[in-house]
Amino acid sequence: MDYNNDKVKRAAEVVQSFVTISKTLTKFALQNAVSLGLTLQQMGILNTIYSSPEITLKDITEKLQLSKSTVSVNVDGLVNSGLVERKTSEVDRREIQLTLTTTGKELSRRSVQNPLSYQAMISALEKLSEEDIQILLRTHKELLSHLQDC
């Protein structure tokens, strides 16, 4: 790849921009998770179970795009911490459904009450016009669509 090519330079600039924004938002989400005594992955799993009670491990791996082993290890930690319970499905005995304990529900509620990444994004978006925000969202959707077509 010719890094002196203007198209390659532009693509690199856009990719780097997305990576930097993603890292910044992840930093805020990580701070939120740590403040609750969780890892970022555990917080994601906890909130996924909260929004989809009786979800399966397989569904979580697909929803969060994590490996099965990563989800299993993190769910084990959440079970051992008394935040998640495993329950055998009444429909398919091979399937294990996950639900939150009362403590798990409370922790999940607290995680969304103080989402640093959303607060930071709100603050940043307040500095942009509504028109610029709509252009940004439309451009992101179009770019994603084109990337998925590749």
N, C-alpha and C. Protein backbone atom coordinates (compact mmCIF):
# COMPACT_ATOMS: atom_id res chain seq x y z
N MET A 1 0.85 -1.17 0.00
CA MET A 1 0.00 0.00 0.00
C MET A 1 0.89 1.23 0.00
N ASP A 2 0.57 2.17 -0.85
CA ASP A 2 1.36 3.39 -1.00
C ASP A 2 0.85 4.46 -0.04
N TYR A 3 1.57 4.69 1.04
CA TYR A 3 1.15 5.65 2.05
C TYR A 3 1.36 7.10 1.60
N ASN A 4 1.90 7.29 0.40
CA ASN A 4 2.02 8.63 -0.17
C ASN A 4 0.81 8.98 -1.02
N ASN A 5 -0.02 7.99 -1.30
CA ASN A 5 -1.24 8.18 -2.08
C ASN A 5 -2.24 8.97 -1.23
N ASP A 6 -2.85 9.99 -1.82
CA ASP A 6 -3.79 10.84 -1.08
C ASP A 6 -4.99 10.06 -0.56
N LYS A 7 -5.49 9.09 -1.32
CA LYS A 7 -6.64 8.29 -0.87
C LYS A 7 -6.27 7.43 0.33
N VAL A 8 -5.08 6.88 0.31
CA VAL A 8 -4.61 6.06 1.43
C VAL A 8 -4.41 6.95 2.67
N LYS A 9 -3.85 8.15 2.48
CA LYS A 9 -3.66 9.07 3.59
C LYS A 9 -5.01 9.44 4.21
N ARG A 10 -6.00 9.70 3.37
CA ARG A 10 -7.34 10.08 3.86
C ARG A 10 -7.97 8.91 4.61
N ALA A 11 -7.85 7.71 4.06
CA ALA A 11 -8.41 6.54 4.73
C ALA A 11 -7.74 6.33 6.09
N ALA A 12 -6.43 6.48 6.14
CA ALA A 12 -5.70 6.33 7.40
C ALA A 12 -6.14 7.38 8.42
N GLU A 13 -6.36 8.59 7.95
CA GLU A 13 -6.80 9.67 8.83
C GLU A 13 -8.19 9.38 9.42
N VAL A 14 -9.10 8.88 8.60
CA VAL A 14 -10.45 8.56 9.06
C VAL A 14 -10.42 7.37 10.03
N VAL A 15 -9.66 6.34 9.67
CA VAL A 15 -9.55 5.17 10.56
C VAL A 15 -8.99 5.61 11.91
N GLN A 16 -7.93 6.40 11.91
CA GLN A 16 -7.32 6.87 13.15
C GLN A 16 -8.30 7.70 13.97
N SER A 17 -9.11 8.50 13.30
CA SER A 17 -10.12 9.31 13.99
C SER A 17 -11.11 8.42 14.73
N PHE A 18 -11.61 7.38 14.05
CA PHE A 18 -12.55 6.45 14.68
C PHE A 18 -11.89 5.70 15.84
N VAL A 19 -10.66 5.28 15.67
CA VAL A 19 -9.94 4.56 16.73
C VAL A 19 -9.78 5.46 17.96
N THR A 20 -9.41 6.70 17.74
CA THR A 20 -9.20 7.63 18.85
C THR A 20 -10.51 7.91 19.59
N ILE A 21 -11.59 8.12 18.86
CA ILE A 21 -12.90 8.35 19.50
C ILE A 21 -13.32 7.11 20.26
N SER A 22 -13.14 5.94 19.67
CA SER A 22 -13.52 4.69 20.34
C SER A 22 -12.73 4.50 21.63
N LYS A 23 -11.44 4.75 21.59
CA LYS A 23 -10.60 4.61 22.78
C LYS A 23 -11.03 5.59 23.87
N THR A 24 -11.38 6.79 23.48
CA THR A 24 -11.79 7.80 24.44
C THR A 24 -13.11 7.41 25.11
N LEU A 25 -14.08 6.95 24.33
CA LEU A 25 -15.35 6.51 24.89
C LEU A 25 -15.18 5.27 25.77
N THR A 26 -14.30 4.37 25.35
CA THR A 26 -14.01 3.17 26.14
C THR A 26 -13.40 3.56 27.48
N LYS A 27 -12.55 4.57 27.49
CA LYS A 27 -11.93 5.04 28.73
C LYS A 27 -13.01 5.51 29.71
N PHE A 28 -13.99 6.26 29.23
CA PHE A 28 -15.08 6.72 30.10
C PHE A 28 -15.90 5.54 30.61
N ALA A 29 -16.22 4.59 29.74
CA ALA A 29 -17.00 3.42 30.14
C ALA A 29 -16.22 2.58 31.16
N LEU A 30 -14.92 2.47 30.97
CA LEU A 30 -14.08 1.72 31.90
C LEU A 30 -14.07 2.38 33.29
N GLN A 31 -13.99 3.70 33.31
CA GLN A 31 -14.04 4.42 34.59
C GLN A 31 -15.36 4.12 35.31
N ASN A 32 -16.45 4.08 34.56
CA ASN A 32 -17.76 3.78 35.14
C ASN A 32 -17.77 2.36 35.71
N ALA A 33 -17.26 1.41 34.94
CA ALA A 33 -17.24 0.01 35.39
C ALA A 33 -16.39 -0.14 36.65
N VAL A 34 -15.20 0.44 36.65
CA VAL A 34 -14.29 0.34 37.79
C VAL A 34 -14.93 0.96 39.04
N SER A 35 -15.65 2.05 38.86
CA SER A 35 -16.29 2.69 40.02
C SER A 35 -17.34 1.78 40.66
N LEU A 36 -17.81 0.79 39.90
CA LEU A 36 -18.80 -0.17 40.41
C LEU A 36 -18.17 -1.50 40.80
N GLY A 37 -16.84 -1.60 40.69
CA GLY A 37 -16.14 -2.83 41.04
C GLY A 37 -16.24 -3.89 39.97
N LEU A 38 -16.45 -3.48 38.72
CA LEU A 38 -16.60 -4.41 37.60
C LEU A 38 -15.55 -4.15 36.54
N THR A 39 -15.35 -5.16 35.70
CA THR A 39 -14.56 -4.94 34.49
C THR A 39 -15.52 -4.39 33.43
N LEU A 40 -14.97 -3.86 32.37
CA LEU A 40 -15.80 -3.33 31.29
C LEU A 40 -16.67 -4.44 30.69
N GLN A 41 -16.09 -5.63 30.51
CA GLN A 41 -16.85 -6.74 29.95
C GLN A 41 -17.96 -7.19 30.90
N GLN A 42 -17.66 -7.23 32.19
CA GLN A 42 -18.68 -7.62 33.16
C GLN A 42 -19.85 -6.63 33.15
N MET A 43 -19.53 -5.33 33.07
CA MET A 43 -20.59 -4.34 33.04
C MET A 43 -21.44 -4.50 31.78
N GLY A 44 -20.80 -4.78 30.65
CA GLY A 44 -21.55 -5.00 29.41
C GLY A 44 -22.46 -6.21 29.52
N ILE A 45 -21.95 -7.28 30.10
CA ILE A 45 -22.74 -8.51 30.27
C ILE A 45 -23.89 -8.26 31.24
N LEU A 46 -23.60 -7.60 32.35
CA LEU A 46 -24.62 -7.30 33.35
C LEU A 46 -25.76 -6.47 32.73
N ASN A 47 -25.40 -5.44 31.98
CA ASN A 47 -26.41 -4.58 31.37
C ASN A 47 -27.17 -5.30 30.25
N THR A 48 -26.51 -6.22 29.57
CA THR A 48 -27.18 -7.01 28.54
C THR A 48 -28.21 -7.93 29.17
N ILE A 49 -27.86 -8.56 30.28
CA ILE A 49 -28.80 -9.43 30.98
C ILE A 49 -29.96 -8.59 31.52
N TYR A 50 -29.66 -7.42 32.04
CA TYR A 50 -30.70 -6.53 32.57
C TYR A 50 -31.73 -6.19 31.49
N SER A 51 -31.23 -5.89 30.29
CA SER A 51 -32.14 -5.49 29.21
C SER A 51 -32.80 -6.69 28.53
N SER A 52 -32.25 -7.89 28.71
CA SER A 52 -32.81 -9.11 28.11
C SER A 52 -32.80 -10.24 29.14
N PRO A 53 -33.70 -10.18 30.13
CA PRO A 53 -33.71 -11.23 31.16
C PRO A 53 -33.85 -12.63 30.54
N GLU A 54 -33.21 -13.59 31.14
CA GLU A 54 -33.20 -14.98 30.71
C GLU A 54 -32.50 -15.19 29.37
N ILE A 55 -31.57 -14.29 29.06
CA ILE A 55 -30.75 -14.42 27.86
C ILE A 55 -29.78 -15.58 28.07
N THR A 56 -29.34 -16.19 26.98
CA THR A 56 -28.39 -17.30 27.08
C THR A 56 -26.97 -16.80 26.86
N LEU A 57 -25.99 -17.63 27.24
CA LEU A 57 -24.59 -17.30 26.99
C LEU A 57 -24.35 -17.06 25.51
N LYS A 58 -24.92 -17.92 24.68
CA LYS A 58 -24.74 -17.81 23.24
C LYS A 58 -25.25 -16.47 22.72
N ASP A 59 -26.42 -16.07 23.21
CA ASP A 59 -26.99 -14.79 22.78
C ASP A 59 -26.12 -13.61 23.21
N ILE A 60 -25.55 -13.70 24.40
CA ILE A 60 -24.66 -12.63 24.87
C ILE A 60 -23.42 -12.54 24.00
N THR A 61 -22.84 -13.70 23.65
CA THR A 61 -21.63 -13.67 22.81
C THR A 61 -21.93 -13.01 21.48
N GLU A 62 -23.11 -13.28 20.92
CA GLU A 62 -23.48 -12.68 19.64
C GLU A 62 -23.76 -11.19 19.79
N LYS A 63 -24.47 -10.82 20.83
CA LYS A 63 -24.86 -9.43 21.04
C LYS A 63 -23.65 -8.54 21.32
N LEU A 64 -22.73 -9.03 22.13
CA LEU A 64 -21.57 -8.22 22.51
C LEU A 64 -20.35 -8.49 21.63
N GLN A 65 -20.47 -9.46 20.74
CA GLN A 65 -19.37 -9.84 19.86
C GLN A 65 -18.10 -10.17 20.65
N LEU A 66 -18.30 -11.04 21.67
CA LEU A 66 -17.19 -11.53 22.48
C LEU A 66 -17.09 -13.04 22.29
N SER A 67 -15.93 -13.60 22.60
CA SER A 67 -15.78 -15.04 22.48
C SER A 67 -16.57 -15.74 23.58
N LYS A 68 -16.93 -17.00 23.32
CA LYS A 68 -17.68 -17.78 24.29
C LYS A 68 -16.90 -17.92 25.60
N SER A 69 -15.58 -18.14 25.48
CA SER A 69 -14.77 -18.31 26.69
C SER A 69 -14.71 -17.02 27.50
N THR A 70 -14.62 -15.88 26.84
CA THR A 70 -14.61 -14.58 27.54
C THR A 70 -15.91 -14.37 28.29
N VAL A 71 -17.02 -14.67 27.64
CA VAL A 71 -18.32 -14.50 28.28
C VAL A 71 -18.45 -15.48 29.44
N SER A 72 -18.05 -16.73 29.24
CA SER A 72 -18.16 -17.74 30.30
C SER A 72 -17.37 -17.35 31.54
N VAL A 73 -16.13 -16.90 31.34
CA VAL A 73 -15.28 -16.51 32.47
C VAL A 73 -15.90 -15.32 33.21
N ASN A 74 -16.39 -14.35 32.46
CA ASN A 74 -16.97 -13.17 33.09
C ASN A 74 -18.29 -13.49 33.79
N VAL A 75 -19.09 -14.36 33.19
CA VAL A 75 -20.35 -14.77 33.83
C VAL A 75 -20.04 -15.53 35.12
N ASP A 76 -19.03 -16.40 35.09
CA ASP A 76 -18.61 -17.10 36.30
C ASP A 76 -18.30 -16.11 37.42
N GLY A 77 -17.56 -15.06 37.08
CA GLY A 77 -17.22 -14.03 38.06
C GLY A 77 -18.46 -13.32 38.59
N LEU A 78 -19.42 -13.04 37.71
CA LEU A 78 -20.65 -12.37 38.13
C LEU A 78 -21.51 -13.29 38.99
N VAL A 79 -21.51 -14.59 38.67
CA VAL A 79 -22.24 -15.57 39.49
C VAL A 79 -21.59 -15.66 40.87
N ASN A 80 -20.27 -15.78 40.90
CA ASN A 80 -19.54 -15.87 42.18
C ASN A 80 -19.69 -14.62 43.04
N SER A 81 -19.93 -13.47 42.37
CA SER A 81 -20.13 -12.22 43.10
C SER A 81 -21.57 -12.03 43.55
N GLY A 82 -22.42 -12.97 43.19
CA GLY A 82 -23.82 -12.88 43.60
C GLY A 82 -24.64 -11.89 42.79
N LEU A 83 -24.20 -11.60 41.56
CA LEU A 83 -24.90 -10.64 40.72
C LEU A 83 -25.77 -11.30 39.65
N VAL A 84 -25.40 -12.53 39.28
CA VAL A 84 -26.09 -13.26 38.20
C VAL A 84 -26.41 -14.67 38.68
N GLU A 85 -27.54 -15.18 38.21
CA GLU A 85 -27.92 -16.56 38.50
C GLU A 85 -28.10 -17.30 37.18
N ARG A 86 -27.72 -18.58 37.20
CA ARG A 86 -27.92 -19.46 36.04
C ARG A 86 -29.20 -20.25 36.27
N LYS A 87 -29.94 -20.47 35.19
CA LYS A 87 -31.18 -21.24 35.30
C LYS A 87 -31.33 -22.08 34.04
N THR A 88 -31.63 -23.35 34.21
CA THR A 88 -31.84 -24.23 33.05
C THR A 88 -33.14 -23.86 32.37
N SER A 89 -33.09 -23.77 31.06
CA SER A 89 -34.27 -23.42 30.28
C SER A 89 -35.33 -24.52 30.40
N GLU A 90 -36.57 -24.09 30.54
CA GLU A 90 -37.66 -25.06 30.61
C GLU A 90 -37.97 -25.62 29.21
N VAL A 91 -37.62 -24.88 28.17
CA VAL A 91 -37.87 -25.29 26.80
C VAL A 91 -36.80 -26.25 26.30
N ASP A 92 -35.54 -25.93 26.58
CA ASP A 92 -34.41 -26.75 26.13
C ASP A 92 -33.46 -26.93 27.30
N ARG A 93 -33.43 -28.11 27.89
CA ARG A 93 -32.65 -28.38 29.09
C ARG A 93 -31.14 -28.16 28.89
N ARG A 94 -30.68 -28.13 27.63
CA ARG A 94 -29.26 -27.90 27.36
C ARG A 94 -28.90 -26.42 27.46
N GLU A 95 -29.90 -25.58 27.41
CA GLU A 95 -29.68 -24.15 27.42
C GLU A 95 -29.69 -23.59 28.84
N ILE A 96 -28.73 -22.73 29.11
CA ILE A 96 -28.65 -22.07 30.42
C ILE A 96 -29.04 -20.61 30.23
N GLN A 97 -30.06 -20.19 30.96
CA GLN A 97 -30.50 -18.81 30.90
C GLN A 97 -29.90 -18.05 32.08
N LEU A 98 -29.65 -16.78 31.86
CA LEU A 98 -29.03 -15.94 32.88
C LEU A 98 -30.00 -14.86 33.32
N THR A 99 -30.08 -14.67 34.63
CA THR A 99 -30.91 -13.61 35.19
C THR A 99 -30.09 -12.88 36.24
N LEU A 100 -30.49 -11.66 36.53
CA LEU A 100 -29.79 -10.87 37.55
C LEU A 100 -30.43 -11.10 38.90
N THR A 101 -29.58 -11.10 39.91
CA THR A 101 -30.08 -11.11 41.28
C THR A 101 -30.54 -9.69 41.60
N THR A 102 -31.13 -9.50 42.74
CA THR A 102 -31.54 -8.16 43.16
C THR A 102 -30.34 -7.22 43.19
N THR A 103 -29.21 -7.72 43.72
CA THR A 103 -27.98 -6.92 43.77
C THR A 103 -27.48 -6.60 42.36
N GLY A 104 -27.57 -7.58 41.46
CA GLY A 104 -27.16 -7.38 40.07
C GLY A 104 -28.01 -6.33 39.38
N LYS A 105 -29.31 -6.36 39.63
CA LYS A 105 -30.21 -5.36 39.04
C LYS A 105 -29.86 -3.96 39.54
N GLU A 106 -29.61 -3.85 40.83
CA GLU A 106 -29.27 -2.55 41.41
C GLU A 106 -27.96 -2.02 40.83
N LEU A 107 -26.97 -2.89 40.69
CA LEU A 107 -25.68 -2.47 40.13
C LEU A 107 -25.85 -2.04 38.67
N SER A 108 -26.65 -2.77 37.92
CA SER A 108 -26.91 -2.41 36.53
C SER A 108 -27.60 -1.05 36.46
N ARG A 109 -28.58 -0.83 37.32
CA ARG A 109 -29.27 0.47 37.36
C ARG A 109 -28.28 1.59 37.66
N ARG A 110 -27.40 1.35 38.62
CA ARG A 110 -26.40 2.36 38.98
C ARG A 110 -25.45 2.64 37.81
N SER A 111 -25.13 1.61 37.04
CA SER A 111 -24.19 1.80 35.92
C SER A 111 -24.77 2.70 34.84
N VAL A 112 -26.08 2.66 34.66
CA VAL A 112 -26.68 3.52 33.63
C VAL A 112 -27.09 4.88 34.18
N GLN A 113 -27.10 5.04 35.50
CA GLN A 113 -27.42 6.34 36.07
C GLN A 113 -26.23 7.29 35.98
N ASN A 114 -25.03 6.75 35.87
CA ASN A 114 -23.83 7.57 35.84
C ASN A 114 -22.93 7.16 34.67
N PRO A 115 -23.48 7.13 33.47
CA PRO A 115 -22.65 6.70 32.34
C PRO A 115 -21.73 7.84 31.86
N LEU A 116 -20.49 7.76 32.26
CA LEU A 116 -19.54 8.82 31.93
C LEU A 116 -19.40 9.03 30.42
N SER A 117 -19.47 7.94 29.65
CA SER A 117 -19.32 8.09 28.20
C SER A 117 -20.48 8.90 27.61
N TYR A 118 -21.69 8.68 28.13
CA TYR A 118 -22.84 9.44 27.63
C TYR A 118 -22.75 10.90 28.08
N GLN A 119 -22.35 11.11 29.33
CA GLN A 119 -22.22 12.48 29.82
C GLN A 119 -21.18 13.25 29.00
N ALA A 120 -20.07 12.60 28.72
CA ALA A 120 -19.02 13.24 27.92
C ALA A 120 -19.53 13.52 26.50
N MET A 121 -20.25 12.56 25.91
CA MET A 121 -20.77 12.75 24.56
C MET A 121 -21.80 13.87 24.54
N ILE A 122 -22.67 13.93 25.54
CA ILE A 122 -23.66 15.01 25.61
C ILE A 122 -22.95 16.35 25.65
N SER A 123 -21.94 16.45 26.49
CA SER A 123 -21.18 17.69 26.61
C SER A 123 -20.53 18.07 25.27
N ALA A 124 -19.95 17.10 24.60
CA ALA A 124 -19.29 17.37 23.31
C ALA A 124 -20.32 17.75 22.24
N LEU A 125 -21.46 17.05 22.21
CA LEU A 125 -22.48 17.34 21.20
C LEU A 125 -23.13 18.70 21.41
N GLU A 126 -23.17 19.17 22.64
CA GLU A 126 -23.74 20.50 22.92
C GLU A 126 -22.94 21.60 22.23
N LYS A 127 -21.71 21.29 21.85
CA LYS A 127 -20.85 22.27 21.19
C LYS A 127 -21.03 22.24 19.66
N LEU A 128 -21.85 21.30 19.17
CA LEU A 128 -22.13 21.20 17.74
C LEU A 128 -23.56 21.64 17.46
N SER A 129 -23.79 22.09 16.23
CA SER A 129 -25.16 22.44 15.84
C SER A 129 -25.97 21.16 15.60
N GLU A 130 -27.28 21.27 15.69
CA GLU A 130 -28.15 20.13 15.42
C GLU A 130 -27.93 19.63 14.00
N GLU A 131 -27.72 20.54 13.08
CA GLU A 131 -27.48 20.16 11.67
C GLU A 131 -26.19 19.34 11.56
N ASP A 132 -25.12 19.75 12.24
CA ASP A 132 -23.86 19.01 12.20
C ASP A 132 -24.03 17.62 12.81
N ILE A 133 -24.82 17.52 13.88
CA ILE A 133 -25.06 16.21 14.51
C ILE A 133 -25.80 15.29 13.54
N GLN A 134 -26.80 15.81 12.85
CA GLN A 134 -27.56 15.01 11.90
C GLN A 134 -26.68 14.57 10.73
N ILE A 135 -25.82 15.47 10.26
CA ILE A 135 -24.88 15.13 9.19
C ILE A 135 -23.93 14.03 9.66
N LEU A 136 -23.42 14.16 10.89
CA LEU A 136 -22.52 13.15 11.46
C LEU A 136 -23.20 11.79 11.51
N LEU A 137 -24.42 11.74 12.04
CA LEU A 137 -25.14 10.46 12.15
C LEU A 137 -25.42 9.87 10.77
N ARG A 138 -25.85 10.70 9.84
CA ARG A 138 -26.13 10.21 8.48
C ARG A 138 -24.85 9.69 7.82
N THR A 139 -23.77 10.40 8.00
CA THR A 139 -22.50 10.00 7.41
C THR A 139 -22.01 8.69 8.01
N HIS A 140 -22.15 8.54 9.32
CA HIS A 140 -21.74 7.29 9.98
C HIS A 140 -22.56 6.11 9.44
N LYS A 141 -23.86 6.30 9.30
CA LYS A 141 -24.71 5.22 8.78
C LYS A 141 -24.31 4.84 7.36
N GLU A 142 -24.08 5.85 6.53
CA GLU A 142 -23.68 5.58 5.14
C GLU A 142 -22.33 4.88 5.09
N LEU A 143 -21.38 5.36 5.87
CA LEU A 143 -20.05 4.76 5.89
C LEU A 143 -20.12 3.32 6.36
N LEU A 144 -20.88 3.06 7.41
CA LEU A 144 -21.04 1.70 7.90
C LEU A 144 -21.65 0.81 6.84
N SER A 145 -22.64 1.29 6.16
CA SER A 145 -23.29 0.52 5.09
C SER A 145 -22.26 0.16 4.00
N HIS A 146 -21.47 1.13 3.60
CA HIS A 146 -20.46 0.89 2.56
C HIS A 146 -19.38 -0.09 3.05
N LEU A 147 -18.99 0.03 4.32
CA LEU A 147 -18.00 -0.89 4.87
C LEU A 147 -18.54 -2.32 4.91
N GLN A 148 -19.80 -2.47 5.25
CA GLN A 148 -20.40 -3.79 5.32
C GLN A 148 -20.55 -4.42 3.93
N ASP A 149 -20.59 -3.60 2.90
CA ASP A 149 -20.70 -4.09 1.52
C ASP A 149 -19.34 -4.59 1.00
N CYS A 150 -18.25 -4.21 1.66
CA CYS A 150 -16.91 -4.58 1.18
C CYS A 150 -16.63 -6.05 1.37
